[in-house]
Amino acid sequence: MGKIKLLPDDLAHKIAAGEVVERPASVVKELVENALDAKATRIEIEIKDGGKEYIRVTDDGTGIEEEDLETAFMRHATSKLHTIEDLFYIKTLGFRGEALPSIASVSRLVLKTRSHTAVSGFTVRIIDGEFHKEPAGIPAGTTVEVSQLFYNTPARYKFLKTSSTERRYVVELVTQISLAHPFVAFSLVCDGKRVLSTDGKGELRGAIASVYGHSISKKVLPVDYQADWGRINGFIGLPELARGNRSMQTIVLNGRVIESSLITNAMEKAYQGILSFRQYPFSILVINVDPSFVDVNVHPSKSQVKFANDQEVYRDILHAVKSGLLGGDLTASVSITPKVEVEHKEKEQLTLEVDTLFEPVTWDKVDALILREDLKETFAPPLAKTIEKVDEPSPVPVSEPINSPMENANQVRDQLLNGRIIGQLHQTYILLETEFGLWLLDQHIVHERILFEKLINRTEPIAVQQMLPQLLDFSPQDFELIKEKVEVLETLGIPLEPWGTHSFLLRGLPQGFGHIKGEWEKDILEIAQNLETEDKWTAKTAITLACKGAIKAGEYLEQRQMDVLLKQLASTENPFTCPHGRPIIVRLDNDEIQRRFGRK
């Protein structure tokens, strides 16, 4: 008897469903794309428990005729393709005929639909693979309700993330689709709360305002470029909208949200020289091409495509984005180094709490030492790179920064404690007279090292320094991310309270971190993104928080404040470099000074 056998239909369906239905967001994507193909002008999405328990998508599209209802749940049954030639000229979002049967095979599904020409509609229930239909008085359009996703495939269910994470995936998806289709009014309700709503008026900037807020929509530049192979338009962000990941980048191709490293690389190349390293621009690029120029039948999710000519696409995307940047006014957002005020103005003084700052820093905890060992290769650059600026020609040659582990750390600490503070240079560097010569210490890096070691040595949650509440607005997907991390952020001394649709009230700051100010939303989001899990914070988080909370260049310090900083630095395990590996101290030795004056 042969060993090769045909799989039972129900098993084959469940296997095939794994390619289409990966998580709740996959279900939402397939159902929303069906609604868009049905010419819907209004789409309402509701989920519960991150979509694991319940998903509902309602549209006002064309609906399904009675005679098509049962066929719609058969695999590879579709109204969108009829011949092989159609496969190379796809104009719809869906075309495989896999969505409904795949979803129905791994969930409990109810479909309600009425075509615009019918007097009444129908309710369809799929129960254990069986099709059940009954008449129903319902409005024109279609509603699909999906409950208990993966109830019959527990192995698939256990791979889902937490409800809050799955919810965030849905929010991110609907955000991008709503931007791709500004002529459609979208509404997303999560656990009874509306988290996203667009008006469907067709104006992309208005959709950006609805999704990301008016402050974002005012900081974008239009892109409009006609290439030989298609049209490129949309909006790109001013440099100040850049962030440390690509979560605010959307690529739309013929109405389909896609992922394309080719387009992403070209767009980011256009920002080269404008953004700093590992900063990624805000962008919504809408590309319309002849369907024959692109192959969307590459992956079951239809999120990856192949172009007929990659070089042309790269060149024209680069040109389109560059033209958009050149046509806009970047002066409001480009960071220009301000004039250094060297006068000691009382109004510029910082409020360093001496008692708080001078808490002793210990480094005898094994976990902290292990953590720092792990950091060396990741964050500390090679010595040659660290000191390369010192090697440049200058009127007064100086010796290398003090950053070598071969230095006598105790000797350095002794000079920090007993040296004489001369003053502050350009409100950025502390000048210290030591028995070896003149030392220059970067005040920001000094404070950053102190705060970093406090963080990695902490055994208790960081105390909160109360402040007047600040209302912080976020995009829907960023709100969901931060909401997942609220408890961990509170242990870091950042108490946040959800407020409104996608805002938080910030009621305090970490004790001793009073220099975190200004770009609250950007800083808190960056810290939240560095948190690996909902109950764990990492060295990267500590580095970010220390950098944000440290004294900045250009801030005036009194003598006593500089004295406190140096004493604190002397108490750290590593007084040589900041957590990023930059040198804290640059020295001008006595011998060099005497040589320059001809005394030696």
Foldseek 3Di string as FASTA:
>chain_A
DDPDDDDPPLVVLQVVLVQQPQAQLSLVVVVVLVQVLLVFQEWEWEAELLNQFKIKIWTQGQWDDPVCVVVLLDFQRDPQDDDPVCLLQGLGPDRRSNNNNSLVSFWWKKKWADGPPDPWTWIWTQDNNDIDIDIDHDHHTMMMMTGNGRVVPVVSVVPDDGSLVSNLSNQLSVLQLCLLQLLHWYWYHYPNRTQFTHDNPRDNLSSCCRFFNPVFSVFWFWFWDQAPFWIKIWIKGFQVQWAQDCSQEWEAESSRTADDPLLQVLLVVLCVVPYDPNTGIHTYMHIYGRSNQKRQPPGSSSRDIDGVDSVRNSVRSNVRNNVRVVPDDNVVPRDDDDDQDPDQDPVLADDFDLVLLQDFFDDPDPQLVVQLVVLCVVFADDQCVQFVVLPDDDPFRFDGAQADPPDDLLVLLVQLQPWDFPFDDSQAWTWTQGPFAIKTFGQQLLQLQLQLSCVSPDPFQFAWDFDDKDKAAGGSSLLSLVVLQQVVVVSNRFHWDDDPNRITITGTGGVRLVQQDDPVVSLSSVLSVQQPHNHDHGSVSSSSSSSNRGDDRSRHYDPVRSSSSSNSLSSGPRSAGGSNNHGRMTGHGPVSVCVSVVND
